């Protein structure tokens, strides 16, 4: 009986977190795409500096390197 209560309460917590995350995501989407707003997405600064430094992109893999290994 206690295990079932624990399981249901943890499931409720997970579902509540999911709902709040979905609400936040919807709010962010609606704030980003306001009607009449025709902004272009910004190019990340790292890509701009790589382009200036080398003059051209040799590969995009240099932008997505992982230092963990």
PDB file of N, CA and C in Angstrom:
ATOM      1  N   UNK A   1       0.816  -1.193   0.000  1.00  0.00           N
ATOM      2  CA  UNK A   1       0.000   0.000   0.000  1.00  0.00           C
ATOM      3  C   UNK A   1       0.866   1.266   0.000  1.00  0.00           C
ATOM      4  N   UNK A   2       1.895   1.288   0.851  1.00  0.00           N
ATOM      5  CA  UNK A   2       2.767   2.457   0.918  1.00  0.00           C
ATOM      6  C   UNK A   2       3.523   2.647  -0.391  1.00  0.00           C
ATOM      7  N   UNK A   3       3.915   1.524  -0.982  1.00  0.00           N
ATOM      8  CA  UNK A   3       4.649   1.599  -2.238  1.00  0.00           C
ATOM      9  C   UNK A   3       3.783   2.192  -3.345  1.00  0.00           C
ATOM     10  N   UNK A   4       2.515   1.832  -3.369  1.00  0.00           N
ATOM     11  CA  UNK A   4       1.597   2.379  -4.374  1.00  0.00           C
ATOM     12  C   UNK A   4       1.418   3.882  -4.190  1.00  0.00           C
ATOM     13  N   UNK A   5       1.291   4.322  -2.937  1.00  0.00           N
ATOM     14  CA  UNK A   5       1.149   5.757  -2.668  1.00  0.00           C
ATOM     15  C   UNK A   5       2.405   6.508  -3.094  1.00  0.00           C
ATOM     16  N   UNK A   6       3.561   5.913  -2.779  1.00  0.00           N
ATOM     17  CA  UNK A   6       4.821   6.535  -3.143  1.00  0.00           C
ATOM     18  C   UNK A   6       4.940   6.640  -4.662  1.00  0.00           C
ATOM     19  N   UNK A   7       4.556   5.568  -5.332  1.00  0.00           N
ATOM     20  CA  UNK A   7       4.636   5.527  -6.783  1.00  0.00           C
ATOM     21  C   UNK A   7       3.707   6.561  -7.409  1.00  0.00           C
ATOM     22  N   UNK A   8       2.493   6.653  -6.886  1.00  0.00           N
ATOM     23  CA  UNK A   8       1.541   7.612  -7.454  1.00  0.00           C
ATOM     24  C   UNK A   8       1.962   9.052  -7.169  1.00  0.00           C
ATOM     25  N   UNK A   9       2.516   9.296  -5.985  1.00  0.00           N
ATOM     26  CA  UNK A   9       2.948  10.662  -5.681  1.00  0.00           C
ATOM     27  C   UNK A   9       4.146  11.062  -6.537  1.00  0.00           C
ATOM     28  N   UNK A  10       5.061  10.130  -6.772  1.00  0.00           N
ATOM     29  CA  UNK A  10       6.203  10.463  -7.627  1.00  0.00           C
ATOM     30  C   UNK A  10       5.752  10.654  -9.073  1.00  0.00           C
ATOM     31  N   UNK A  11       4.762   9.877  -9.497  1.00  0.00           N
ATOM     32  CA  UNK A  11       4.223  10.052 -10.845  1.00  0.00           C
ATOM     33  C   UNK A  11       3.529  11.404 -10.961  1.00  0.00           C
ATOM     34  N   UNK A  12       2.818  11.813  -9.919  1.00  0.00           N
ATOM     35  CA  UNK A  12       2.170  13.127  -9.918  1.00  0.00           C
ATOM     36  C   UNK A  12       3.204  14.245 -10.010  1.00  0.00           C
ATOM     37  N   UNK A  13       4.306  14.095  -9.289  1.00  0.00           N
ATOM     38  CA  UNK A  13       5.365  15.104  -9.344  1.00  0.00           C
ATOM     39  C   UNK A  13       5.941  15.210 -10.752  1.00  0.00           C
ATOM     40  N   UNK A  14       6.170  14.062 -11.364  1.00  0.00           N
ATOM     41  CA  UNK A  14       6.728  14.056 -12.717  1.00  0.00           C
ATOM     42  C   UNK A  14       5.765  14.712 -13.694  1.00  0.00           C
ATOM     43  N   UNK A  15       4.490  14.376 -13.592  1.00  0.00           N
ATOM     44  CA  UNK A  15       3.500  14.959 -14.497  1.00  0.00           C
ATOM     45  C   UNK A  15       3.357  16.457 -14.281  1.00  0.00           C
ATOM     46  N   UNK A  16       3.426  16.908 -13.026  1.00  0.00           N
ATOM     47  CA  UNK A  16       3.354  18.343 -12.749  1.00  0.00           C
ATOM     48  C   UNK A  16       4.555  19.077 -13.345  1.00  0.00           C
ATOM     49  N   UNK A  17       5.742  18.482 -13.220  1.00  0.00           N
ATOM     50  CA  UNK A  17       6.929  19.096 -13.811  1.00  0.00           C
ATOM     51  C   UNK A  17       6.812  19.158 -15.325  1.00  0.00           C
ATOM     52  N   UNK A  18       6.265  18.100 -15.911  1.00  0.00           N
ATOM     53  CA  UNK A  18       6.078  18.076 -17.353  1.00  0.00           C
ATOM     54  C   UNK A  18       5.111  19.162 -17.799  1.00  0.00           C
ATOM     55  N   UNK A  19       4.019  19.322 -17.061  1.00  0.00           N
ATOM     56  CA  UNK A  19       3.033  20.352 -17.411  1.00  0.00           C
ATOM     57  C   UNK A  19       3.636  21.748 -17.317  1.00  0.00           C
ATOM     58  N   UNK A  20       4.382  22.001 -16.245  1.00  0.00           N
ATOM     59  CA  UNK A  20       4.983  23.330 -16.102  1.00  0.00           C
ATOM     60  C   UNK A  20       6.028  23.576 -17.183  1.00  0.00           C
ATOM     61  N   UNK A  21       6.783  22.546 -17.541  1.00  0.00           N
ATOM     62  CA  UNK A  21       7.773  22.705 -18.607  1.00  0.00           C
ATOM     63  C   UNK A  21       7.091  22.989 -19.940  1.00  0.00           C
ATOM     64  N   UNK A  22       5.983  22.310 -20.208  1.00  0.00           N
ATOM     65  CA  UNK A  22       5.245  22.562 -21.444  1.00  0.00           C
ATOM     66  C   UNK A  22       4.674  23.974 -21.462  1.00  0.00           C
ATOM     67  N   UNK A  23       4.167  24.438 -20.324  1.00  0.00           N
ATOM     68  CA  UNK A  23       3.622  25.796 -20.256  1.00  0.00           C
ATOM     69  C   UNK A  23       4.720  26.825 -20.499  1.00  0.00           C
ATOM     70  N   UNK A  24       5.895  26.617 -19.888  1.00  0.00           N
ATOM     71  CA  UNK A  24       7.004  27.545 -20.090  1.00  0.00           C
ATOM     72  C   UNK A  24       7.458  27.552 -21.545  1.00  0.00           C
ATOM     73  N   UNK A  25       7.509  26.364 -22.141  1.00  0.00           N
ATOM     74  CA  UNK A  25       7.920  26.280 -23.544  1.00  0.00           C
ATOM     75  C   UNK A  25       6.925  26.998 -24.443  1.00  0.00           C
ATOM     76  N   UNK A  26       5.644  26.836 -24.178  1.00  0.00           N
ATOM     77  CA  UNK A  26       4.630  27.524 -24.977  1.00  0.00           C
ATOM     78  C   UNK A  26       4.718  29.032 -24.806  1.00  0.00           C
ATOM     79  N   UNK A  27       4.987  29.486 -23.579  1.00  0.00           N
ATOM     80  CA  UNK A  27       5.142  30.921 -23.343  1.00  0.00           C
ATOM     81  C   UNK A  27       6.346  31.460 -24.106  1.00  0.00           C
ATOM     82  N   UNK A  28       7.445  30.712 -24.086  1.00  0.00           N
ATOM     83  CA  UNK A  28       8.635  31.156 -24.807  1.00  0.00           C
ATOM     84  C   UNK A  28       8.380  31.182 -26.308  1.00  0.00           C
ATOM     85  N   UNK A  29       7.685  30.169 -26.820  1.00  0.00           N
ATOM     86  CA  UNK A  29       7.381  30.142 -28.247  1.00  0.00           C
ATOM     87  C   UNK A  29       6.500  31.311 -28.643  1.00  0.00           C
ATOM     88  N   UNK A  30       5.498  31.593 -27.825  1.00  0.00           N
ATOM     89  CA  UNK A  30       4.589  32.688 -28.167  1.00  0.00           C
ATOM     90  C   UNK A  30       5.297  34.037 -28.066  1.00  0.00           C
ATOM     91  N   UNK A  31       6.214  34.180 -27.131  1.00  0.00           N
ATOM     92  CA  UNK A  31       6.934  35.449 -27.024  1.00  0.00           C
ATOM     93  C   UNK A  31       7.937  35.609 -28.162  1.00  0.00           C
ATOM     94  N   UNK A  32       8.469  34.507 -28.665  1.00  0.00           N
ATOM     95  CA  UNK A  32       9.429  34.580 -29.766  1.00  0.00           C
ATOM     96  C   UNK A  32       8.746  34.853 -31.093  1.00  0.00           C
ATOM     97  N   UNK A  33       7.567  34.333 -31.292  1.00  0.00           N
ATOM     98  CA  UNK A  33       6.901  34.486 -32.584  1.00  0.00           C
ATOM     99  C   UNK A  33       5.666  35.359 -32.452  1.00  0.00           C
ATOM    100  N   UNK A  34       5.890  36.594 -32.051  1.00  0.00           N
ATOM    101  CA  UNK A  34       4.779  37.538 -31.961  1.00  0.00           C
ATOM    102  C   UNK A  34       4.350  37.920 -33.371  1.00  0.00           C
ATOM    103  N   UNK A  35       3.050  38.153 -33.592  1.00  0.00           N
ATOM    104  CA  UNK A  35       2.594  38.502 -34.934  1.00  0.00           C
ATOM    105  C   UNK A  35       3.203  39.823 -35.405  1.00  0.00           C
ATOM    106  N   UNK A  36       3.627  39.835 -36.657  1.00  0.00           N
ATOM    107  CA  UNK A  36       4.225  41.039 -37.223  1.00  0.00           C
ATOM    108  C   UNK A  36       5.701  41.175 -36.924  1.00  0.00           C
ATOM    109  N   UNK A  37       6.252  40.243 -36.209  1.00  0.00           N
ATOM    110  CA  UNK A  37       7.662  40.295 -35.851  1.00  0.00           C
ATOM    111  C   UNK A  37       8.450  39.476 -36.865  1.00  0.00           C
ATOM    112  N   UNK A  38       9.232  40.154 -37.696  1.00  0.00           N
ATOM    113  CA  UNK A  38       9.956  39.463 -38.756  1.00  0.00           C
ATOM    114  C   UNK A  38      11.456  39.568 -38.521  1.00  0.00           C
ATOM    115  N   UNK A  39      11.891  39.256 -37.315  1.00  0.00           N
ATOM    116  CA  UNK A  39      13.314  39.304 -37.031  1.00  0.00           C
ATOM    117  C   UNK A  39      13.990  38.059 -37.584  1.00  0.00           C
ATOM    118  N   UNK A  40      15.213  38.230 -38.041  1.00  0.00           N
ATOM    119  CA  UNK A  40      15.982  37.088 -38.501  1.00  0.00           C
ATOM    120  C   UNK A  40      16.739  36.513 -37.316  1.00  0.00           C
ATOM    121  N   UNK A  41      16.943  35.209 -37.295  1.00  0.00           N
ATOM    122  CA  UNK A  41      17.686  34.627 -36.182  1.00  0.00           C
ATOM    123  C   UNK A  41      19.133  35.091 -36.211  1.00  0.00           C
ATOM    124  N   UNK A  42      19.700  35.309 -35.049  1.00  0.00           N
ATOM    125  CA  UNK A  42      21.067  35.790 -34.963  1.00  0.00           C
ATOM    126  C   UNK A  42      22.048  34.651 -35.191  1.00  0.00           C
ATOM    127  N   UNK A  43      23.118  34.957 -35.893  1.00  0.00           N
ATOM    128  CA  UNK A  43      24.184  33.989 -36.100  1.00  0.00           C
ATOM    129  C   UNK A  43      25.063  34.001 -34.857  1.00  0.00           C
ATOM    130  N   UNK A  44      25.395  32.836 -34.324  1.00  0.00           N
ATOM    131  CA  UNK A  44      26.242  32.807 -33.126  1.00  0.00           C
ATOM    132  C   UNK A  44      27.583  33.478 -33.374  1.00  0.00           C
ATOM    133  N   UNK A  45      28.087  34.142 -32.361  1.00  0.00           N
ATOM    134  CA  UNK A  45      29.325  34.907 -32.461  1.00  0.00           C
ATOM    135  C   UNK A  45      30.505  34.014 -32.814  1.00  0.00           C
ATOM    136  N   UNK A  46      30.512  32.776 -32.310  1.00  0.00           N
ATOM    137  CA  UNK A  46      31.620  31.870 -32.587  1.00  0.00           C
ATOM    138  C   UNK A  46      31.735  31.586 -34.082  1.00  0.00           C
ATOM    139  N   UNK A  47      30.606  31.419 -34.750  1.00  0.00           N
ATOM    140  CA  UNK A  47      30.627  31.140 -36.187  1.00  0.00           C
ATOM    141  C   UNK A  47      31.126  32.353 -36.957  1.00  0.00           C
ATOM    142  N   UNK A  48      30.709  33.540 -36.533  1.00  0.00           N
ATOM    143  CA  UNK A  48      31.153  34.763 -37.209  1.00  0.00           C
ATOM    144  C   UNK A  48      32.661  34.928 -37.072  1.00  0.00           C
ATOM    145  N   UNK A  49      33.204  34.705 -35.878  1.00  0.00           N
ATOM    146  CA  UNK A  49      34.645  34.863 -35.682  1.00  0.00           C
ATOM    147  C   UNK A  49      35.425  33.804 -36.447  1.00  0.00           C
ATOM    148  N   UNK A  50      34.906  32.579 -36.534  1.00  0.00           N
ATOM    149  CA  UNK A  50      35.581  31.554 -37.333  1.00  0.00           C
ATOM    150  C   UNK A  50      35.607  31.941 -38.801  1.00  0.00           C
ATOM    151  N   UNK A  51      34.517  32.513 -39.273  1.00  0.00           N
ATOM    152  CA  UNK A  51      34.445  32.917 -40.673  1.00  0.00           C
ATOM    153  C   UNK A  51      35.429  34.039 -40.956  1.00  0.00           C
ATOM    154  N   UNK A  52      35.521  34.995 -40.060  1.00  0.00           N
ATOM    155  CA  UNK A  52      36.449  36.110 -40.254  1.00  0.00           C
ATOM    156  C   UNK A  52      37.895  35.631 -40.200  1.00  0.00           C
ATOM    157  N   UNK A  53      38.162  34.698 -39.289  1.00  0.00           N
ATOM    158  CA  UNK A  53      39.524  34.231 -39.091  1.00  0.00           C
ATOM    159  C   UNK A  53      40.019  33.415 -40.285  1.00  0.00           C
ATOM    160  N   UNK A  54      39.184  32.534 -40.815  1.00  0.00           N
ATOM    161  CA  UNK A  54      39.614  31.630 -41.876  1.00  0.00           C
ATOM    162  C   UNK A  54      39.129  32.045 -43.259  1.00  0.00           C
ATOM    163  N   UNK A  55      38.178  32.939 -43.340  1.00  0.00           N
ATOM    164  CA  UNK A  55      37.686  33.387 -44.629  1.00  0.00           C
ATOM    165  C   UNK A  55      36.618  32.488 -45.222  1.00  0.00           C
ATOM    166  N   UNK A  56      36.613  31.258 -44.841  1.00  0.00           N
ATOM    167  CA  UNK A  56      35.585  30.331 -45.313  1.00  0.00           C
ATOM    168  C   UNK A  56      35.448  29.197 -44.301  1.00  0.00           C
ATOM    169  N   UNK A  57      34.349  28.492 -44.391  1.00  0.00           N
ATOM    170  CA  UNK A  57      34.134  27.353 -43.509  1.00  0.00           C
ATOM    171  C   UNK A  57      34.717  26.108 -44.164  1.00  0.00           C
ATOM    172  N   UNK A  58      35.611  25.459 -43.479  1.00  0.00           N
ATOM    173  CA  UNK A  58      36.119  24.195 -44.011  1.00  0.00           C
ATOM    174  C   UNK A  58      35.162  23.073 -43.649  1.00  0.00           C
ATOM    175  N   UNK A  59      34.698  23.084 -42.419  1.00  0.00           N
ATOM    176  CA  UNK A  59      33.677  22.129 -41.997  1.00  0.00           C
ATOM    177  C   UNK A  59      33.007  22.680 -40.755  1.00  0.00           C
ATOM    178  N   UNK A  60      31.776  22.304 -40.578  1.00  0.00           N
ATOM    179  CA  UNK A  60      31.057  22.747 -39.390  1.00  0.00           C
ATOM    180  C   UNK A  60      31.410  21.912 -38.170  1.00  0.00           C
ATOM    181  N   UNK A  61      32.156  20.839 -38.348  1.00  0.00           N
ATOM    182  CA  UNK A  61      32.508  20.001 -37.204  1.00  0.00           C
ATOM    183  C   UNK A  61      33.381  20.755 -36.211  1.00  0.00           C
ATOM    184  N   UNK A  62      34.116  21.759 -36.677  1.00  0.00           N
ATOM    185  CA  UNK A  62      34.939  22.538 -35.761  1.00  0.00           C
ATOM    186  C   UNK A  62      34.093  23.360 -34.802  1.00  0.00           C
ATOM    187  N   UNK A  63      32.854  23.638 -35.177  1.00  0.00           N
ATOM    188  CA  UNK A  63      31.961  24.393 -34.306  1.00  0.00           C
ATOM    189  C   UNK A  63      31.344  23.519 -33.225  1.00  0.00           C
ATOM    190  N   UNK A  64      31.310  22.218 -33.477  1.00  0.00           N
ATOM    191  CA  UNK A  64      30.611  21.320 -32.573  1.00  0.00           C
ATOM    192  C   UNK A  64      31.559  20.300 -31.957  1.00  0.00           C
ATOM    193  N   UNK A  65      32.682  20.763 -31.469  1.00  0.00           N
ATOM    194  CA  UNK A  65      33.626  19.844 -30.846  1.00  0.00           C
ATOM    195  C   UNK A  65      33.276  19.658 -29.388  1.00  0.00           C
ATOM    196  N   UNK A  66      33.641  18.522 -28.882  1.00  0.00           N
ATOM    197  CA  UNK A  66      33.373  18.200 -27.481  1.00  0.00           C
ATOM    198  C   UNK A  66      34.704  18.036 -26.771  1.00  0.00           C
ATOM    199  N   UNK A  67      34.925  18.794 -25.718  1.00  0.00           N
ATOM    200  CA  UNK A  67      36.179  18.739 -24.984  1.00  0.00           C
ATOM    201  C   UNK A  67      36.172  17.671 -23.898  1.00  0.00           C
ATOM    202  N   UNK A  68      35.099  16.909 -23.787  1.00  0.00           N
ATOM    203  CA  UNK A  68      34.984  15.927 -22.717  1.00  0.00           C
ATOM    204  C   UNK A  68      35.875  14.717 -22.952  1.00  0.00           C
ATOM    205  N   UNK A  69      36.252  14.452 -24.190  1.00  0.00           N
ATOM    206  CA  UNK A  69      37.033  13.244 -24.479  1.00  0.00           C
ATOM    207  C   UNK A  69      38.488  13.554 -24.626  1.00  0.00           C
TER     208      UNK A  69
END
